[in-house]
Protein backbone atom coordinates (compact mmCIF):
# COMPACT_ATOMS: atom_id res chain seq x y z
CA MET A 1 -21.04 -5.71 -16.13
CA ALA A 2 -23.76 -7.97 -17.52
CA GLU A 3 -27.27 -6.55 -17.80
CA ALA A 4 -30.27 -8.59 -16.66
CA LYS A 5 -32.60 -9.48 -19.54
CA ASN A 6 -35.68 -9.38 -17.31
CA PRO A 7 -34.79 -7.36 -14.21
CA VAL A 8 -37.11 -7.69 -11.22
CA GLN A 9 -38.26 -4.15 -10.49
CA ALA A 10 -38.67 -4.65 -6.74
CA VAL A 11 -35.13 -6.00 -6.41
CA GLN A 12 -33.75 -3.15 -8.51
CA ARG A 13 -35.49 -0.61 -6.25
CA THR A 14 -33.96 -2.21 -3.20
CA LEU A 15 -30.52 -2.03 -4.80
CA ASP A 16 -31.13 1.61 -5.74
CA ILE A 17 -32.01 2.39 -2.13
CA LEU A 18 -28.88 0.69 -0.86
CA SER A 19 -26.79 2.67 -3.38
CA VAL A 20 -28.25 5.93 -2.08
CA LEU A 21 -27.46 4.95 1.51
CA ARG A 22 -23.91 4.03 0.49
CA ASP A 23 -23.32 7.29 -1.38
CA THR A 24 -24.88 9.58 1.25
CA GLY A 25 -23.81 7.77 4.41
CA GLY A 26 -27.42 7.92 5.57
CA ALA A 27 -30.69 9.39 4.33
CA ARG A 28 -34.33 9.89 5.26
CA VAL A 29 -37.26 8.35 3.42
CA THR A 30 -38.12 11.59 1.62
CA GLU A 31 -34.54 12.04 0.37
CA ILE A 32 -34.36 8.48 -0.88
CA ALA A 33 -37.73 8.69 -2.63
CA ARG A 34 -36.70 11.89 -4.39
CA GLU A 35 -33.32 10.43 -5.40
CA ILE A 36 -34.67 7.23 -7.03
CA GLY A 37 -37.99 8.64 -8.23
CA VAL A 38 -40.54 6.51 -6.33
CA SER A 39 -43.12 7.18 -3.65
CA LYS A 40 -42.26 7.50 0.02
CA GLY A 41 -44.56 4.56 0.72
CA THR A 42 -42.61 2.33 -1.64
CA VAL A 43 -39.29 3.34 -0.06
CA HIS A 44 -40.65 2.78 3.44
CA CYS A 45 -41.79 -0.77 2.59
CA HIS A 46 -38.38 -1.66 1.21
CA LEU A 47 -36.61 -0.11 4.18
CA ALA A 48 -38.84 -1.94 6.65
CA THR A 49 -37.90 -5.28 5.12
CA LEU A 50 -34.21 -4.40 5.02
CA GLU A 51 -34.31 -3.20 8.63
CA GLU A 52 -36.05 -6.37 9.81
CA ASN A 53 -33.24 -8.44 8.28
CA GLY A 54 -30.43 -6.24 9.63
CA TYR A 55 -29.34 -4.69 6.36
CA VAL A 56 -30.27 -1.14 7.37
CA VAL A 57 -30.61 0.60 10.70
CA ASN A 58 -32.91 3.49 11.59
CA GLU A 59 -31.25 6.21 13.65
CA ASN A 60 -33.66 9.07 14.40
CA SER A 61 -35.52 8.52 11.11
CA GLU A 62 -32.28 8.44 9.15
CA TYR A 63 -31.50 5.11 7.54
CA LYS A 64 -27.97 3.78 7.26
CA LEU A 65 -26.40 0.57 6.00
CA GLY A 66 -26.37 -2.15 8.61
CA LEU A 67 -23.39 -4.17 9.73
CA ARG A 68 -25.06 -7.31 8.38
CA PHE A 69 -23.29 -6.48 5.12
CA ILE A 70 -19.95 -7.20 6.80
CA ASP A 71 -21.08 -10.80 7.20
CA LEU A 72 -21.77 -11.09 3.48
CA ALA A 73 -18.50 -9.35 2.64
CA HIS A 74 -16.62 -11.90 4.74
CA TYR A 75 -18.03 -14.78 2.70
CA ALA A 76 -17.48 -12.96 -0.58
CA LYS A 77 -13.84 -12.34 0.37
CA ASP A 78 -13.34 -16.03 1.19
CA ARG A 79 -13.90 -16.84 -2.50
CA ILE A 80 -10.41 -15.42 -3.13
CA ASP A 81 -8.06 -18.30 -2.37
CA ILE A 82 -4.91 -16.18 -2.26
CA TYR A 83 -6.32 -13.36 -0.12
CA ASP A 84 -4.19 -14.00 2.97
CA ILE A 85 -1.01 -14.59 0.96
CA ALA A 86 -1.51 -11.53 -1.21
CA THR A 87 -2.43 -9.15 1.61
CA SER A 88 0.64 -10.11 3.60
CA GLU A 89 2.87 -9.19 0.66
CA VAL A 90 0.95 -5.97 0.04
CA ASP A 91 1.67 -4.97 3.62
CA THR A 92 5.36 -5.60 3.00
CA LEU A 93 5.29 -3.57 -0.22
CA ALA A 94 3.72 -0.60 1.56
CA GLU A 95 6.29 -0.75 4.33
CA GLU A 96 9.26 -1.10 1.94
CA SER A 97 8.14 1.60 -0.49
CA GLY A 98 6.55 4.00 1.97
CA GLU A 99 3.68 4.36 -0.52
CA MET A 100 0.22 2.86 -0.97
CA ALA A 101 0.06 -0.75 -2.15
CA LEU A 102 -3.02 -2.52 -3.52
CA PHE A 103 -4.36 -5.99 -4.24
CA THR A 104 -6.98 -6.02 -6.97
CA VAL A 105 -9.00 -8.68 -8.80
CA GLU A 106 -11.16 -8.58 -11.91
CA GLU A 107 -14.90 -9.20 -11.82
CA ASP A 108 -17.38 -8.48 -14.62
CA GLY A 109 -14.75 -6.54 -16.55
CA GLU A 110 -13.89 -4.18 -13.70
CA GLY A 111 -11.04 -4.01 -11.20
CA ILE A 112 -12.20 -4.57 -7.62
CA CYS A 113 -9.81 -3.42 -4.90
CA LEU A 114 -9.74 -6.10 -2.19
CA TYR A 115 -7.01 -4.71 0.02
CA THR A 116 -4.94 -1.59 0.56
CA ALA A 117 -1.94 -0.89 2.77
CA GLU A 118 -0.38 2.51 3.46
CA GLY A 119 3.31 3.15 3.93
CA ALA A 120 4.69 5.95 6.05
CA GLU A 121 4.39 8.53 3.25
CA ALA A 122 1.35 7.19 1.40
CA VAL A 123 -0.97 9.74 -0.18
CA LYS A 124 -4.68 9.66 0.50
CA THR A 125 -6.74 8.61 -2.50
CA GLU A 126 -10.36 7.70 -3.17
CA VAL A 127 -9.38 4.01 -3.42
CA TYR A 128 -10.92 1.84 -0.70
CA VAL A 129 -11.69 -1.87 -0.21
CA GLY A 130 -14.49 -2.62 -2.64
CA TYR A 131 -13.64 0.29 -4.95
CA ARG A 132 -14.44 -0.48 -8.59
CA ASN A 133 -12.57 0.91 -11.55
CA GLN A 134 -12.26 0.41 -15.28
CA LEU A 135 -9.18 -1.59 -16.22
CA TYR A 136 -7.74 0.50 -19.06
CA HIS A 137 -6.30 3.37 -17.01
CA THR A 138 -4.77 1.69 -13.92
CA ALA A 139 -1.55 -0.29 -13.52
CA VAL A 140 -3.30 -3.28 -11.90
CA GLY A 141 -6.06 -3.12 -14.50
CA LYS A 142 -3.70 -3.14 -17.46
CA ALA A 143 -1.66 -5.91 -15.83
CA MET A 144 -4.78 -8.09 -15.62
CA LEU A 145 -5.97 -7.16 -19.10
CA ALA A 146 -2.60 -8.10 -20.58
CA PHE A 147 -2.50 -11.58 -19.05
CA MET A 148 -6.12 -12.69 -19.14
CA PRO A 149 -7.38 -14.97 -21.94
CA ALA A 150 -7.49 -13.12 -25.29
CA GLU A 151 -11.20 -13.72 -25.81
CA LYS A 152 -12.07 -12.22 -22.45
CA ARG A 153 -9.69 -9.30 -23.01
CA ASP A 154 -11.27 -8.53 -26.39
CA GLU A 155 -14.78 -8.60 -24.89
CA ILE A 156 -13.83 -6.21 -22.09
CA ILE A 157 -12.06 -3.75 -24.42
CA GLU A 158 -14.89 -3.79 -26.93
CA ASN A 159 -17.39 -2.98 -24.17
CA THR A 160 -15.25 -0.26 -22.58
CA GLU A 161 -16.42 3.33 -22.76
CA PHE A 162 -13.10 5.17 -22.80
CA GLU A 163 -13.01 8.41 -20.83
CA GLN A 164 -10.27 11.03 -20.85
CA LEU A 165 -9.69 11.19 -17.08
CA THR A 166 -6.40 13.07 -17.42
CA PRO A 167 -4.30 14.27 -20.40
CA ASN A 168 -2.35 10.99 -20.11
CA THR A 169 -5.30 8.60 -20.19
CA ILE A 170 -5.27 6.16 -23.10
CA THR A 171 -8.58 6.40 -24.97
CA ASP A 172 -7.57 4.75 -28.24
CA GLU A 173 -8.15 0.99 -28.46
CA ASP A 174 -5.18 0.34 -30.75
CA GLU A 175 -2.85 2.28 -28.45
CA LEU A 176 -4.12 0.31 -25.46
CA ARG A 177 -3.60 -3.01 -27.22
CA ALA A 178 -0.05 -2.02 -28.16
CA GLU A 179 0.69 -1.17 -24.53
CA LEU A 180 -0.81 -4.49 -23.35
CA GLU A 181 1.52 -6.32 -25.75
CA GLN A 182 4.48 -4.49 -24.18
CA ILE A 183 3.21 -5.40 -20.70
CA ARG A 184 3.14 -9.08 -21.69
CA GLU A 185 6.78 -8.80 -22.75
CA ASP A 186 7.95 -6.89 -19.65
CA GLY A 187 5.68 -8.45 -17.04
CA ILE A 188 4.98 -5.03 -15.53
CA ALA A 189 2.31 -2.40 -16.17
CA TYR A 190 2.50 1.36 -15.52
CA ASN A 191 0.10 4.15 -14.74
CA HIS A 192 1.66 7.43 -15.82
CA GLY A 193 -0.86 9.73 -14.21
CA GLU A 194 -3.68 8.25 -16.27
CA THR A 195 -6.22 7.99 -13.45
CA ILE A 196 -5.28 10.99 -11.35
CA GLN A 197 -2.87 13.59 -12.66
CA GLY A 198 0.38 13.53 -10.69
CA LEU A 199 -0.24 10.02 -9.29
CA VAL A 200 1.82 7.22 -10.85
CA GLY A 201 2.20 3.53 -10.21
CA ALA A 202 3.30 0.13 -11.37
CA GLY A 203 1.56 -3.24 -11.14
CA ALA A 204 2.07 -6.88 -12.01
CA PRO A 205 -0.27 -9.88 -12.42
CA ILE A 206 -0.48 -12.85 -10.07
CA ARG A 207 -0.70 -16.19 -11.89
CA ASP A 208 -0.19 -19.87 -11.22
CA GLN A 209 2.03 -22.28 -13.16
CA ASP A 210 -0.74 -22.86 -15.69
CA GLY A 211 -1.10 -19.13 -16.35
CA THR A 212 -4.43 -18.77 -14.51
CA LEU A 213 -4.86 -15.13 -13.52
CA TYR A 214 -5.70 -14.50 -9.85
CA GLY A 215 -5.39 -10.72 -9.73
CA ALA A 216 -2.67 -8.07 -9.55
CA ILE A 217 -0.75 -5.99 -7.03
CA SER A 218 0.62 -2.50 -7.37
CA ILE A 219 2.35 0.43 -5.72
CA ILE A 220 1.10 3.98 -6.32
CA GLY A 221 2.37 7.37 -5.24
CA PRO A 222 2.98 10.97 -6.25
CA VAL A 223 5.31 11.70 -9.15
CA ARG A 224 7.31 14.08 -6.94
CA ARG A 225 8.51 11.02 -4.96
CA ILE A 226 8.27 8.33 -7.61
CA ASN A 227 10.30 9.75 -10.47
CA GLU A 228 10.72 7.90 -13.75
CA GLU A 229 13.87 6.08 -12.62
CA ARG A 230 12.30 4.83 -9.40
CA LEU A 231 9.11 3.91 -11.20
CA GLU A 232 10.90 1.75 -13.75
CA THR A 233 13.57 0.14 -11.54
CA GLU A 234 13.08 0.11 -7.78
CA ILE A 235 9.28 -0.21 -7.74
CA PRO A 236 9.07 -3.08 -10.28
CA GLU A 237 11.78 -4.97 -8.42
CA MET A 238 9.75 -4.76 -5.20
CA ILE A 239 6.59 -5.84 -6.96
CA HIS A 240 8.22 -8.76 -8.76
CA ARG A 241 9.67 -10.05 -5.48
CA ALA A 242 6.21 -9.94 -3.87
CA VAL A 243 4.55 -11.61 -6.87
CA ASN A 244 7.19 -14.36 -6.83
CA ILE A 245 6.47 -15.11 -3.17
CA ILE A 246 2.71 -15.16 -3.76
CA GLU A 247 3.00 -17.40 -6.81
CA ILE A 248 5.27 -19.86 -4.99
CA ASN A 249 2.69 -20.09 -2.20
CA ILE A 250 -0.15 -20.63 -4.71
CA THR A 251 1.29 -24.04 -5.51
CA SER A 252 0.55 -25.20 -1.96
CA LEU A 253 -3.13 -24.15 -2.00
C-alpha cells in the first residue's frame, strides 16, 4: 500500500479512530484515546464530526460505526464491472462443492475479498467481505500475481514482507516465482495449508481476451474433505468452468 508523502495528521487520526471502532465493535472516548495515544478532547472532536455526518453513532456513550459506510461501500463495489457475473458463479461453486467459494480482486498489492458464498459443509474462517490479505500465501493471490503484468508483479513481490504463517507458507522469493511460473502454465493456483494449517484451496484468474486481469475466484476447505486428488482434479474443473462463463460474459460488458 502506498504511503502518503505528507500525511494530514487530522485525517490520519480520524482513520485511526475508525480502525479502533472497526476492531472493537464499539468503544468509549477514553478507550479510543488510550488506544491511539491522543487526548480525550481530540477524540471527542473527531467523533462529533463523524457523528454529525452519519459515520458513527453514539449508543449510551459507546461509539460504533454508522451505516453511512454501507452507502460508500455500494459505490466502491460498483467500480467492479464483473461483480454480478462473478458472484453468481461463486454461488454456484459453493453449492456444487459444498465448500466456501470466494471472489477476490487486487488493490494496492493486496487481495481484497469482495464476495463469499458458503456451501452446505463450508468451514467458518476469518475471511469476510472486505478482508485484506497478502497475495503470496493464498490461491487467489497467487493466481493474480501469476497473471498480472510482470512489472507490477515484481514491485509487489519486492515490497512483500514474507511471514511464516504455517510450516507450508512460501517465504522465499525465488520459490514463489518458480511456483508462479507453474501457475501460468497450468492456469490454476493452489494453497496447500499456507494461510491456515489444514485449510487448502485452489483458485484461478479472471481475464478478458486481451489478458486484462479482473480478479480471481477460489474454493477453500479442510484437507480432511479436500484430499490431494480432489484438490487437483474435481476442484480445478469446477473453477475453470466458472471462470469460462465469467470470461464469456465479460465480452458483452
